[in-house]
Amino acid sequence: MLYNYKGKTPSIDQTAYIAPDCVITGDVEIGAYSSIWFKTVIRGDVAPVKIGAFSNIQDLSLLHQSPDLPLIVEDHVTVGHQVTLHSAVIRKNALIGMGSIILDGAEIGEGAFVGAGSLVPPGKKIPPRTLAFGSPAKVVRELTKADIEEMERIQQDYVKKGQTYKQE
């Protein structure tokens, strides 16, 4: 369901797949070939939410923000099931593992991988192309070529899957 809020209407690229039971409200922008999966809630009622192209926000995720702190998800990002993103910046090609929580002012570097169930506290910066894990999240190692290839595979699979759902 799409909702207006205080004169702001979600802007969704026509190529994006939006599951029928998610809720998107207010100042939200979703880019080309991105996908928003079942029971996800994206509320742009405090500050803007920008989701780039070819990104996926998986089932049961929650995206919100604090005043004057937008939530930015760049291109080619994978956000796993049941993730909470709150006023953070997720750089391109990053992957946020299932059940993770990314809080205000945190920045996930380009191509970084946040392991499942991690908590990235306010203001924490995760460097590019690293694996961060834990609560609070700590960098545990640099990503391998195999890690990066798997992240790309997952992201590309979600683009294809989204387009299949859109056509059917």
C-alpha atoms as a PDB file:
ATOM      1  CA  MET A   1       0.000   0.000   0.000  1.00  0.00           C
ATOM      2  CA  LEU A   2       1.225   3.456  -0.879  1.00  0.00           C
ATOM      3  CA  TYR A   3       0.268   6.439   1.280  1.00  0.00           C
ATOM      4  CA  ASN A   4       0.745  10.172   0.960  1.00  0.00           C
ATOM      5  CA  TYR A   5       1.960  12.005   4.054  1.00  0.00           C
ATOM      6  CA  LYS A   6       1.838  15.796   4.456  1.00  0.00           C
ATOM      7  CA  GLY A   7       1.812  16.298   0.701  1.00  0.00           C
ATOM      8  CA  LYS A   8       4.657  13.848   0.037  1.00  0.00           C
ATOM      9  CA  THR A   9       3.950  10.919  -2.264  1.00  0.00           C
ATOM     10  CA  PRO A  10       6.277   7.939  -2.732  1.00  0.00           C
ATOM     11  CA  SER A  11       8.140   8.091  -6.058  1.00  0.00           C
ATOM     12  CA  ILE A  12       8.689   4.612  -7.446  1.00  0.00           C
ATOM     13  CA  ASP A  13      10.364   3.836 -10.753  1.00  0.00           C
ATOM     14  CA  GLN A  14       8.005   1.930 -13.047  1.00  0.00           C
ATOM     15  CA  THR A  15      10.509  -0.943 -13.351  1.00  0.00           C
ATOM     16  CA  ALA A  16      10.674  -1.552  -9.574  1.00  0.00           C
ATOM     17  CA  TYR A  17       8.846  -4.485  -8.003  1.00  0.00           C
ATOM     18  CA  ILE A  18       6.768  -3.622  -4.938  1.00  0.00           C
ATOM     19  CA  ALA A  19       5.153  -6.555  -3.102  1.00  0.00           C
ATOM     20  CA  PRO A  20       1.423  -6.007  -2.634  1.00  0.00           C
ATOM     21  CA  ASP A  21       1.473  -6.206   1.171  1.00  0.00           C
ATOM     22  CA  CYS A  22       4.281  -3.780   1.959  1.00  0.00           C
ATOM     23  CA  VAL A  23       3.611  -0.243   3.218  1.00  0.00           C
ATOM     24  CA  ILE A  24       5.401   2.764   1.720  1.00  0.00           C
ATOM     25  CA  THR A  25       4.501   6.231   2.901  1.00  0.00           C
ATOM     26  CA  GLY A  26       5.625   9.819   2.442  1.00  0.00           C
ATOM     27  CA  ASP A  27       8.957  11.086   1.127  1.00  0.00           C
ATOM     28  CA  VAL A  28      10.303   7.842  -0.361  1.00  0.00           C
ATOM     29  CA  GLU A  29      12.130   7.376  -3.656  1.00  0.00           C
ATOM     30  CA  ILE A  30      12.783   3.916  -5.142  1.00  0.00           C
ATOM     31  CA  GLY A  31      15.048   3.514  -8.171  1.00  0.00           C
ATOM     32  CA  ALA A  32      14.967   1.393 -11.302  1.00  0.00           C
ATOM     33  CA  TYR A  33      14.797  -2.395 -11.016  1.00  0.00           C
ATOM     34  CA  SER A  34      14.810  -2.314  -7.224  1.00  0.00           C
ATOM     35  CA  SER A  35      12.521  -4.599  -5.251  1.00  0.00           C
ATOM     36  CA  ILE A  36      10.656  -4.196  -1.991  1.00  0.00           C
ATOM     37  CA  TRP A  37       9.537  -7.527  -0.572  1.00  0.00           C
ATOM     38  CA  PHE A  38       6.598  -8.841   1.434  1.00  0.00           C
ATOM     39  CA  LYS A  39       5.498  -7.076   4.625  1.00  0.00           C
ATOM     40  CA  THR A  40       8.258  -4.474   4.466  1.00  0.00           C
ATOM     41  CA  VAL A  41       7.471  -1.025   5.897  1.00  0.00           C
ATOM     42  CA  ILE A  42       9.167   2.122   4.554  1.00  0.00           C
ATOM     43  CA  ARG A  43       8.050   5.297   6.305  1.00  0.00           C
ATOM     44  CA  GLY A  44       9.239   8.583   4.871  1.00  0.00           C
ATOM     45  CA  ASP A  45       7.269  10.631   7.382  1.00  0.00           C
ATOM     46  CA  VAL A  46      10.169  12.216   9.314  1.00  0.00           C
ATOM     47  CA  ALA A  47      12.920  12.647   6.687  1.00  0.00           C
ATOM     48  CA  PRO A  48      13.485  11.370   3.141  1.00  0.00           C
ATOM     49  CA  VAL A  49      14.223   7.752   2.225  1.00  0.00           C
ATOM     50  CA  LYS A  50      16.186   7.216  -0.994  1.00  0.00           C
ATOM     51  CA  ILE A  51      16.676   3.729  -2.399  1.00  0.00           C
ATOM     52  CA  GLY A  52      18.847   3.538  -5.509  1.00  0.00           C
ATOM     53  CA  ALA A  53      18.630   1.319  -8.570  1.00  0.00           C
ATOM     54  CA  PHE A  54      18.988  -2.478  -8.565  1.00  0.00           C
ATOM     55  CA  SER A  55      18.668  -2.704  -4.765  1.00  0.00           C
ATOM     56  CA  ASN A  56      16.493  -5.081  -2.787  1.00  0.00           C
ATOM     57  CA  ILE A  57      14.820  -4.690   0.583  1.00  0.00           C
ATOM     58  CA  GLN A  58      13.759  -8.139   1.694  1.00  0.00           C
ATOM     59  CA  ASP A  59      10.736  -9.400   3.614  1.00  0.00           C
ATOM     60  CA  LEU A  60       9.694  -7.872   6.952  1.00  0.00           C
ATOM     61  CA  SER A  61      12.280  -5.095   6.896  1.00  0.00           C
ATOM     62  CA  LEU A  62      11.637  -1.693   8.484  1.00  0.00           C
ATOM     63  CA  LEU A  63      13.061   1.559   7.124  1.00  0.00           C
ATOM     64  CA  HIS A  64      12.614   4.832   9.026  1.00  0.00           C
ATOM     65  CA  GLN A  65      14.531   7.912  10.123  1.00  0.00           C
ATOM     66  CA  SER A  66      15.066  10.677  12.675  1.00  0.00           C
ATOM     67  CA  PRO A  67      14.444  14.379  11.987  1.00  0.00           C
ATOM     68  CA  ASP A  68      16.886  15.851   9.463  1.00  0.00           C
ATOM     69  CA  LEU A  69      18.677  12.491   9.062  1.00  0.00           C
ATOM     70  CA  PRO A  70      17.599  10.851   5.790  1.00  0.00           C
ATOM     71  CA  LEU A  71      17.992   7.169   5.115  1.00  0.00           C
ATOM     72  CA  ILE A  72      20.030   6.499   1.973  1.00  0.00           C
ATOM     73  CA  VAL A  73      20.417   3.104   0.313  1.00  0.00           C
ATOM     74  CA  GLU A  74      22.587   3.404  -2.789  1.00  0.00           C
ATOM     75  CA  ASP A  75      22.588   1.245  -5.946  1.00  0.00           C
ATOM     76  CA  HIS A  76      23.075  -2.537  -6.025  1.00  0.00           C
ATOM     77  CA  VAL A  77      22.467  -2.993  -2.285  1.00  0.00           C
ATOM     78  CA  THR A  78      21.018  -6.116  -0.687  1.00  0.00           C
ATOM     79  CA  VAL A  79      19.098  -5.687   2.573  1.00  0.00           C
ATOM     80  CA  GLY A  80      18.259  -9.086   4.081  1.00  0.00           C
ATOM     81  CA  HIS A  81      15.076 -10.297   5.765  1.00  0.00           C
ATOM     82  CA  GLN A  82      13.908  -8.487   8.913  1.00  0.00           C
ATOM     83  CA  VAL A  83      16.494  -5.714   8.798  1.00  0.00           C
ATOM     84  CA  THR A  84      15.931  -2.370  10.499  1.00  0.00           C
ATOM     85  CA  LEU A  85      17.565   0.639   8.842  1.00  0.00           C
ATOM     86  CA  HIS A  86      17.212   3.960  10.683  1.00  0.00           C
ATOM     87  CA  SER A  87      18.734   7.208   9.335  1.00  0.00           C
ATOM     88  CA  ALA A  88      21.820   5.452   7.989  1.00  0.00           C
ATOM     89  CA  VAL A  89      23.771   5.472   4.731  1.00  0.00           C
ATOM     90  CA  ILE A  90      24.298   2.174   2.936  1.00  0.00           C
ATOM     91  CA  ARG A  91      26.834   2.594   0.132  1.00  0.00           C
ATOM     92  CA  LYS A  92      26.603   0.819  -3.222  1.00  0.00           C
ATOM     93  CA  ASN A  93      27.179  -2.927  -3.494  1.00  0.00           C
ATOM     94  CA  ALA A  94      26.831  -3.455   0.268  1.00  0.00           C
ATOM     95  CA  LEU A  95      24.953  -6.362   1.841  1.00  0.00           C
ATOM     96  CA  ILE A  96      23.128  -6.134   5.166  1.00  0.00           C
ATOM     97  CA  GLY A  97      22.553  -9.598   6.637  1.00  0.00           C
ATOM     98  CA  MET A  98      19.245 -10.878   7.983  1.00  0.00           C
ATOM     99  CA  GLY A  99      18.006  -9.458  11.258  1.00  0.00           C
ATOM    100  CA  SER A 100      20.599  -6.697  11.438  1.00  0.00           C
ATOM    101  CA  ILE A 101      19.929  -3.238  12.873  1.00  0.00           C
ATOM    102  CA  ILE A 102      21.711  -0.196  11.434  1.00  0.00           C
ATOM    103  CA  LEU A 103      21.166   2.971  13.494  1.00  0.00           C
ATOM    104  CA  ASP A 104      21.269   6.754  13.063  1.00  0.00           C
ATOM    105  CA  GLY A 105      24.323   8.213  11.396  1.00  0.00           C
ATOM    106  CA  ALA A 106      25.928   4.828  10.699  1.00  0.00           C
ATOM    107  CA  GLU A 107      27.583   4.410   7.313  1.00  0.00           C
ATOM    108  CA  ILE A 108      28.153   1.070   5.652  1.00  0.00           C
ATOM    109  CA  GLY A 109      31.018   1.412   3.171  1.00  0.00           C
ATOM    110  CA  GLU A 110      30.921   0.500  -0.499  1.00  0.00           C
ATOM    111  CA  GLY A 111      30.848  -3.259  -0.977  1.00  0.00           C
ATOM    112  CA  ALA A 112      30.837  -3.959   2.779  1.00  0.00           C
ATOM    113  CA  PHE A 113      29.051  -6.959   4.285  1.00  0.00           C
ATOM    114  CA  VAL A 114      27.275  -6.705   7.640  1.00  0.00           C
ATOM    115  CA  GLY A 115      26.756 -10.231   8.998  1.00  0.00           C
ATOM    116  CA  ALA A 116      23.340 -11.531  10.034  1.00  0.00           C
ATOM    117  CA  GLY A 117      22.049 -10.378  13.404  1.00  0.00           C
ATOM    118  CA  SER A 118      24.517  -7.523  13.755  1.00  0.00           C
ATOM    119  CA  LEU A 119      23.913  -4.200  15.481  1.00  0.00           C
ATOM    120  CA  VAL A 120      25.673  -1.212  13.935  1.00  0.00           C
ATOM    121  CA  PRO A 121      25.434   1.552  16.570  1.00  0.00           C
ATOM    122  CA  PRO A 122      24.789   5.233  15.878  1.00  0.00           C
ATOM    123  CA  GLY A 123      27.600   6.950  13.998  1.00  0.00           C
ATOM    124  CA  LYS A 124      29.622   3.774  13.371  1.00  0.00           C
ATOM    125  CA  LYS A 125      31.468   3.624  10.048  1.00  0.00           C
ATOM    126  CA  ILE A 126      32.061   0.224   8.455  1.00  0.00           C
ATOM    127  CA  PRO A 127      34.913   0.469   5.909  1.00  0.00           C
ATOM    128  CA  PRO A 128      34.472  -0.574   2.271  1.00  0.00           C
ATOM    129  CA  ARG A 129      34.904  -4.237   1.302  1.00  0.00           C
ATOM    130  CA  THR A 130      35.033  -5.533   4.883  1.00  0.00           C
ATOM    131  CA  LEU A 131      32.973  -8.038   6.861  1.00  0.00           C
ATOM    132  CA  ALA A 132      31.530  -6.615  10.073  1.00  0.00           C
ATOM    133  CA  PHE A 133      29.753  -8.814  12.550  1.00  0.00           C
ATOM    134  CA  GLY A 134      28.385  -8.763  16.082  1.00  0.00           C
ATOM    135  CA  SER A 135      26.587  -6.587  18.579  1.00  0.00           C
ATOM    136  CA  PRO A 136      28.019  -4.047  18.434  1.00  0.00           C
ATOM    137  CA  ALA A 137      29.364  -4.780  14.959  1.00  0.00           C
ATOM    138  CA  LYS A 138      33.121  -4.952  14.574  1.00  0.00           C
ATOM    139  CA  VAL A 139      35.167  -5.438  11.426  1.00  0.00           C
ATOM    140  CA  VAL A 140      36.428  -9.028  11.414  1.00  0.00           C
ATOM    141  CA  ARG A 141      38.238  -9.180   8.068  1.00  0.00           C
ATOM    142  CA  GLU A 142      38.591  -7.964   4.508  1.00  0.00           C
ATOM    143  CA  LEU A 143      36.208  -9.543   2.007  1.00  0.00           C
ATOM    144  CA  THR A 144      37.498 -12.254  -0.283  1.00  0.00           C
ATOM    145  CA  LYS A 145      36.867 -12.511  -4.011  1.00  0.00           C
ATOM    146  CA  ALA A 146      34.419 -15.339  -3.245  1.00  0.00           C
ATOM    147  CA  ASP A 147      32.532 -13.121  -0.751  1.00  0.00           C
ATOM    148  CA  ILE A 148      32.189 -10.351  -3.324  1.00  0.00           C
ATOM    149  CA  GLU A 149      31.043 -12.764  -6.033  1.00  0.00           C
ATOM    150  CA  GLU A 150      28.395 -14.224  -3.697  1.00  0.00           C
ATOM    151  CA  MET A 151      27.144 -10.760  -2.779  1.00  0.00           C
ATOM    152  CA  GLU A 152      26.847  -9.897  -6.488  1.00  0.00           C
ATOM    153  CA  ARG A 153      25.023 -13.177  -7.187  1.00  0.00           C
ATOM    154  CA  ILE A 154      22.458 -12.499  -4.448  1.00  0.00           C
ATOM    155  CA  GLN A 155      21.863  -8.934  -5.620  1.00  0.00           C
ATOM    156  CA  GLN A 156      21.466  -9.989  -9.262  1.00  0.00           C
ATOM    157  CA  ASP A 157      19.147 -12.865  -8.301  1.00  0.00           C
ATOM    158  CA  TYR A 158      16.856 -10.402  -6.532  1.00  0.00           C
ATOM    159  CA  VAL A 159      16.700  -8.156  -9.597  1.00  0.00           C
ATOM    160  CA  LYS A 160      15.678 -11.168 -11.716  1.00  0.00           C
ATOM    161  CA  LYS A 161      13.242 -12.461  -9.099  1.00  0.00           C
ATOM    162  CA  GLY A 162      11.641  -9.027  -8.755  1.00  0.00           C
ATOM    163  CA  GLN A 163      11.125  -8.759 -12.484  1.00  0.00           C
ATOM    164  CA  THR A 164       9.613 -12.259 -12.601  1.00  0.00           C
ATOM    165  CA  TYR A 165       7.152 -11.360  -9.817  1.00  0.00           C
ATOM    166  CA  LYS A 166       6.342  -8.082 -11.590  1.00  0.00           C
ATOM    167  CA  GLN A 167       5.488  -9.887 -14.836  1.00  0.00           C
ATOM    168  CA  GLU A 168       3.382 -12.576 -13.165  1.00  0.00           C
END
